[in-house]
Amino acid sequence: AHVDSYGLTVLRLDPEHPEGLQVQLDSEWVDVPFIEDSFVLNVGACLSRWTNGLWKAAVHRVLLRPGRRLSLVSGAVRPNHDTLIEAIGPAASNGTSFPPIIM
């Protein structure tokens, strides 16, 4: 299980093999439901910091049953390696929950 470090990951599950992707909610693992013609948007640690925790980074994992595979197409939005990551805009107006970091 892990949290993506990126800003946002966009996933498209394969309709023929959509099972296996899970998120952790209140210490419980929950299957991400397959919805026809949709995308899964996964908030990463950078986006969570930029929004001062308003958008939560999802702890997730891939749990495959024997003989199955997870088929997906993904893309990620991430900052340059020397970017200062801190709460921005209205999210920073009442103080910040995270200290600034350099990616």
N, C-alpha and C. Protein backbone atom coordinates (compact mmCIF):
# COMPACT_ATOMS: atom_id res chain seq x y z
N ALA A 1 0.85 -1.18 0.00
CA ALA A 1 0.00 0.00 0.00
C ALA A 1 0.89 1.24 0.00
N HIS A 2 0.40 2.30 -0.63
CA HIS A 2 1.19 3.52 -0.72
C HIS A 2 0.31 4.72 -1.05
N VAL A 3 0.92 5.89 -0.96
CA VAL A 3 0.32 7.15 -1.41
C VAL A 3 1.20 7.65 -2.55
N ASP A 4 0.61 8.04 -3.66
CA ASP A 4 1.39 8.60 -4.76
C ASP A 4 1.99 9.93 -4.32
N SER A 5 3.20 10.20 -4.76
CA SER A 5 3.83 11.48 -4.42
C SER A 5 3.42 12.58 -5.38
N TYR A 6 2.88 12.23 -6.52
CA TYR A 6 2.53 13.20 -7.55
C TYR A 6 1.36 14.09 -7.14
N GLY A 7 1.02 15.00 -8.04
CA GLY A 7 -0.14 15.84 -7.82
C GLY A 7 -1.42 15.08 -8.05
N LEU A 8 -1.55 14.48 -9.24
CA LEU A 8 -2.79 13.79 -9.60
C LEU A 8 -2.46 12.65 -10.55
N THR A 9 -3.05 11.50 -10.31
CA THR A 9 -2.91 10.37 -11.21
C THR A 9 -4.29 10.06 -11.79
N VAL A 10 -4.35 9.89 -13.10
CA VAL A 10 -5.60 9.58 -13.79
C VAL A 10 -5.52 8.13 -14.26
N LEU A 11 -6.48 7.32 -13.86
CA LEU A 11 -6.50 5.91 -14.21
C LEU A 11 -7.75 5.57 -15.00
N ARG A 12 -7.57 4.71 -15.97
CA ARG A 12 -8.71 4.17 -16.74
C ARG A 12 -8.64 2.67 -16.58
N LEU A 13 -9.58 2.10 -15.87
CA LEU A 13 -9.60 0.66 -15.65
C LEU A 13 -10.08 -0.06 -16.90
N ASP A 14 -9.53 -1.24 -17.13
CA ASP A 14 -9.93 -2.08 -18.26
C ASP A 14 -11.28 -2.71 -17.94
N PRO A 15 -12.30 -2.49 -18.79
CA PRO A 15 -13.62 -3.07 -18.53
C PRO A 15 -13.61 -4.59 -18.42
N GLU A 16 -12.63 -5.25 -19.05
CA GLU A 16 -12.57 -6.71 -19.01
C GLU A 16 -11.94 -7.24 -17.73
N HIS A 17 -11.11 -6.40 -17.06
CA HIS A 17 -10.44 -6.80 -15.82
C HIS A 17 -10.38 -5.60 -14.87
N PRO A 18 -11.52 -5.11 -14.38
CA PRO A 18 -11.50 -3.88 -13.59
C PRO A 18 -11.18 -4.06 -12.11
N GLU A 19 -11.17 -5.31 -11.62
CA GLU A 19 -11.02 -5.52 -10.19
C GLU A 19 -9.56 -5.43 -9.75
N GLY A 20 -9.36 -5.20 -8.46
CA GLY A 20 -8.02 -5.23 -7.88
C GLY A 20 -7.57 -3.93 -7.25
N LEU A 21 -8.07 -2.79 -7.70
CA LEU A 21 -7.67 -1.51 -7.13
C LEU A 21 -8.50 -1.24 -5.88
N GLN A 22 -7.81 -0.96 -4.76
CA GLN A 22 -8.50 -0.70 -3.50
C GLN A 22 -7.96 0.58 -2.86
N VAL A 23 -8.81 1.26 -2.09
CA VAL A 23 -8.41 2.42 -1.29
C VAL A 23 -8.71 2.11 0.17
N GLN A 24 -7.95 2.76 1.04
CA GLN A 24 -8.16 2.57 2.47
C GLN A 24 -9.03 3.69 3.02
N LEU A 25 -10.16 3.32 3.60
CA LEU A 25 -11.09 4.27 4.21
C LEU A 25 -11.33 3.84 5.65
N ASP A 26 -10.97 4.69 6.60
CA ASP A 26 -11.17 4.38 8.02
C ASP A 26 -10.60 3.01 8.39
N SER A 27 -9.37 2.75 7.99
CA SER A 27 -8.65 1.49 8.28
C SER A 27 -9.24 0.26 7.61
N GLU A 28 -10.18 0.44 6.70
CA GLU A 28 -10.78 -0.67 5.95
C GLU A 28 -10.39 -0.54 4.49
N TRP A 29 -10.15 -1.68 3.83
CA TRP A 29 -9.86 -1.68 2.40
C TRP A 29 -11.16 -1.82 1.63
N VAL A 30 -11.35 -0.93 0.65
CA VAL A 30 -12.59 -0.89 -0.13
C VAL A 30 -12.23 -0.98 -1.61
N ASP A 31 -12.93 -1.86 -2.34
CA ASP A 31 -12.71 -1.96 -3.79
C ASP A 31 -13.15 -0.67 -4.47
N VAL A 32 -12.35 -0.21 -5.42
CA VAL A 32 -12.75 0.94 -6.24
C VAL A 32 -13.73 0.39 -7.27
N PRO A 33 -14.96 0.89 -7.29
CA PRO A 33 -15.95 0.33 -8.20
C PRO A 33 -15.65 0.70 -9.66
N PHE A 34 -15.97 -0.22 -10.54
CA PHE A 34 -15.84 0.07 -11.96
C PHE A 34 -17.10 0.76 -12.44
N ILE A 35 -16.94 1.91 -13.07
CA ILE A 35 -18.06 2.64 -13.65
C ILE A 35 -17.74 2.82 -15.13
N GLU A 36 -18.61 2.31 -15.97
CA GLU A 36 -18.42 2.36 -17.43
C GLU A 36 -18.11 3.79 -17.89
N ASP A 37 -17.16 3.92 -18.82
CA ASP A 37 -16.79 5.21 -19.44
C ASP A 37 -16.38 6.26 -18.41
N SER A 38 -15.62 5.86 -17.40
CA SER A 38 -15.19 6.82 -16.38
C SER A 38 -13.69 6.68 -16.11
N PHE A 39 -13.17 7.62 -15.37
CA PHE A 39 -11.77 7.61 -14.94
C PHE A 39 -11.72 7.63 -13.42
N VAL A 40 -10.65 7.10 -12.86
CA VAL A 40 -10.38 7.20 -11.43
C VAL A 40 -9.33 8.28 -11.27
N LEU A 41 -9.61 9.29 -10.44
CA LEU A 41 -8.66 10.36 -10.16
C LEU A 41 -8.09 10.12 -8.78
N ASN A 42 -6.77 9.97 -8.71
CA ASN A 42 -6.11 9.66 -7.45
C ASN A 42 -5.28 10.87 -7.02
N VAL A 43 -5.66 11.49 -5.92
CA VAL A 43 -4.93 12.65 -5.38
C VAL A 43 -3.64 12.15 -4.74
N GLY A 44 -2.53 12.81 -5.07
CA GLY A 44 -1.24 12.47 -4.50
C GLY A 44 -0.83 13.43 -3.40
N ALA A 45 0.33 13.18 -2.81
CA ALA A 45 0.82 13.98 -1.68
C ALA A 45 1.02 15.44 -2.05
N CYS A 46 1.51 15.73 -3.25
CA CYS A 46 1.72 17.13 -3.65
C CYS A 46 0.41 17.90 -3.69
N LEU A 47 -0.61 17.33 -4.31
CA LEU A 47 -1.90 18.01 -4.40
C LEU A 47 -2.53 18.17 -3.01
N SER A 48 -2.33 17.19 -2.16
CA SER A 48 -2.83 17.31 -0.79
C SER A 48 -2.17 18.48 -0.06
N ARG A 49 -0.87 18.66 -0.25
CA ARG A 49 -0.16 19.80 0.36
C ARG A 49 -0.61 21.12 -0.26
N TRP A 50 -0.77 21.16 -1.58
CA TRP A 50 -1.19 22.41 -2.24
C TRP A 50 -2.56 22.86 -1.74
N THR A 51 -3.44 21.89 -1.42
CA THR A 51 -4.78 22.23 -0.95
C THR A 51 -4.85 22.28 0.58
N ASN A 52 -3.69 22.19 1.24
CA ASN A 52 -3.61 22.23 2.71
C ASN A 52 -4.45 21.11 3.34
N GLY A 53 -4.48 19.95 2.68
CA GLY A 53 -5.20 18.80 3.20
C GLY A 53 -6.68 18.76 2.87
N LEU A 54 -7.17 19.77 2.16
CA LEU A 54 -8.58 19.76 1.76
C LEU A 54 -8.87 18.54 0.88
N TRP A 55 -7.96 18.27 -0.06
CA TRP A 55 -8.04 17.06 -0.87
C TRP A 55 -7.04 16.08 -0.26
N LYS A 56 -7.50 14.92 0.13
CA LYS A 56 -6.69 13.92 0.81
C LYS A 56 -5.97 13.01 -0.18
N ALA A 57 -4.72 12.71 0.11
CA ALA A 57 -3.98 11.73 -0.67
C ALA A 57 -4.49 10.34 -0.27
N ALA A 58 -4.84 9.55 -1.25
CA ALA A 58 -5.46 8.25 -0.99
C ALA A 58 -4.41 7.16 -0.82
N VAL A 59 -4.48 6.46 0.32
CA VAL A 59 -3.69 5.25 0.49
C VAL A 59 -4.38 4.18 -0.34
N HIS A 60 -3.63 3.55 -1.23
CA HIS A 60 -4.24 2.56 -2.12
C HIS A 60 -3.30 1.40 -2.38
N ARG A 61 -3.85 0.36 -2.96
CA ARG A 61 -3.07 -0.83 -3.29
C ARG A 61 -3.76 -1.57 -4.43
N VAL A 62 -3.01 -2.49 -5.02
CA VAL A 62 -3.57 -3.39 -6.02
C VAL A 62 -3.54 -4.79 -5.41
N LEU A 63 -4.69 -5.39 -5.31
CA LEU A 63 -4.82 -6.72 -4.73
C LEU A 63 -5.43 -7.62 -5.79
N LEU A 64 -4.60 -8.49 -6.33
CA LEU A 64 -5.07 -9.35 -7.43
C LEU A 64 -5.31 -10.77 -6.96
N ARG A 65 -6.36 -11.33 -7.45
CA ARG A 65 -6.64 -12.73 -7.18
C ARG A 65 -5.74 -13.58 -8.09
N PRO A 66 -5.42 -14.81 -7.67
CA PRO A 66 -4.56 -15.66 -8.50
C PRO A 66 -5.08 -15.78 -9.93
N GLY A 67 -4.19 -15.63 -10.88
CA GLY A 67 -4.54 -15.75 -12.29
C GLY A 67 -5.16 -14.51 -12.90
N ARG A 68 -5.29 -13.42 -12.13
CA ARG A 68 -5.89 -12.18 -12.65
C ARG A 68 -4.80 -11.13 -12.78
N ARG A 69 -5.10 -10.10 -13.55
CA ARG A 69 -4.18 -8.98 -13.71
C ARG A 69 -4.98 -7.69 -13.69
N LEU A 70 -4.32 -6.61 -13.30
CA LEU A 70 -4.94 -5.30 -13.35
C LEU A 70 -4.53 -4.65 -14.65
N SER A 71 -5.50 -4.30 -15.46
CA SER A 71 -5.23 -3.63 -16.73
C SER A 71 -5.71 -2.20 -16.62
N LEU A 72 -4.82 -1.26 -16.84
CA LEU A 72 -5.22 0.13 -16.77
C LEU A 72 -4.30 0.98 -17.63
N VAL A 73 -4.79 2.16 -17.92
CA VAL A 73 -4.00 3.20 -18.58
C VAL A 73 -3.90 4.32 -17.57
N SER A 74 -2.70 4.83 -17.34
CA SER A 74 -2.56 5.89 -16.34
C SER A 74 -1.68 7.01 -16.85
N GLY A 75 -1.86 8.15 -16.25
CA GLY A 75 -1.02 9.32 -16.50
C GLY A 75 -0.94 10.11 -15.21
N ALA A 76 0.16 10.83 -15.01
CA ALA A 76 0.33 11.55 -13.76
C ALA A 76 0.75 12.99 -14.03
N VAL A 77 0.28 13.88 -13.17
CA VAL A 77 0.69 15.28 -13.19
C VAL A 77 1.60 15.46 -11.99
N ARG A 78 2.82 15.89 -12.24
CA ARG A 78 3.76 16.06 -11.13
C ARG A 78 4.61 17.30 -11.35
N PRO A 79 5.09 17.90 -10.27
CA PRO A 79 5.92 19.10 -10.39
C PRO A 79 7.35 18.75 -10.78
N ASN A 80 8.10 19.76 -11.19
CA ASN A 80 9.54 19.58 -11.42
C ASN A 80 10.21 19.19 -10.11
N HIS A 81 11.40 18.61 -10.19
CA HIS A 81 12.09 18.11 -9.00
C HIS A 81 12.56 19.21 -8.05
N ASP A 82 12.63 20.45 -8.50
CA ASP A 82 13.10 21.53 -7.63
C ASP A 82 11.96 22.48 -7.22
N THR A 83 10.73 22.00 -7.27
CA THR A 83 9.56 22.83 -6.98
C THR A 83 9.30 22.89 -5.47
N LEU A 84 9.01 24.10 -4.98
CA LEU A 84 8.59 24.27 -3.60
C LEU A 84 7.13 23.85 -3.49
N ILE A 85 6.85 22.91 -2.60
CA ILE A 85 5.49 22.40 -2.41
C ILE A 85 4.96 22.95 -1.08
N GLU A 86 3.93 23.80 -1.17
CA GLU A 86 3.31 24.39 0.01
C GLU A 86 1.86 24.73 -0.32
N ALA A 87 1.06 24.96 0.71
CA ALA A 87 -0.34 25.33 0.49
C ALA A 87 -0.40 26.63 -0.30
N ILE A 88 -1.35 26.71 -1.24
CA ILE A 88 -1.46 27.89 -2.10
C ILE A 88 -2.87 28.45 -2.07
N GLY A 89 -3.00 29.70 -2.46
CA GLY A 89 -4.31 30.35 -2.60
C GLY A 89 -5.11 30.33 -1.32
N PRO A 90 -6.44 30.22 -1.45
CA PRO A 90 -7.32 30.24 -0.28
C PRO A 90 -6.99 29.14 0.74
N ALA A 91 -6.42 28.03 0.29
CA ALA A 91 -6.08 26.94 1.20
C ALA A 91 -5.06 27.36 2.25
N ALA A 92 -4.25 28.36 1.94
CA ALA A 92 -3.20 28.81 2.86
C ALA A 92 -3.63 29.97 3.75
N SER A 93 -4.84 30.47 3.57
CA SER A 93 -5.25 31.70 4.27
C SER A 93 -5.38 31.54 5.78
N ASN A 94 -5.62 30.34 6.27
CA ASN A 94 -5.77 30.13 7.72
C ASN A 94 -4.60 29.36 8.31
N GLY A 95 -3.41 29.54 7.77
CA GLY A 95 -2.26 28.76 8.22
C GLY A 95 -2.17 27.46 7.44
N THR A 96 -1.11 26.74 7.66
CA THR A 96 -0.90 25.51 6.90
C THR A 96 -0.75 24.31 7.82
N SER A 97 -1.17 23.16 7.33
CA SER A 97 -1.06 21.91 8.07
C SER A 97 0.24 21.19 7.80
N PHE A 98 0.92 21.56 6.70
CA PHE A 98 2.14 20.88 6.29
C PHE A 98 3.26 21.89 6.14
N PRO A 99 4.47 21.56 6.56
CA PRO A 99 5.59 22.46 6.30
C PRO A 99 5.95 22.43 4.81
N PRO A 100 6.46 23.53 4.26
CA PRO A 100 6.89 23.54 2.86
C PRO A 100 8.04 22.54 2.65
N ILE A 101 8.06 21.92 1.49
CA ILE A 101 9.15 21.01 1.13
C ILE A 101 9.56 21.29 -0.31
N ILE A 102 10.77 20.88 -0.67
CA ILE A 102 11.24 20.93 -2.06
C ILE A 102 11.11 19.53 -2.62
N MET A 103 10.46 19.41 -3.75
CA MET A 103 10.30 18.11 -4.41
C MET A 103 11.57 17.71 -5.07
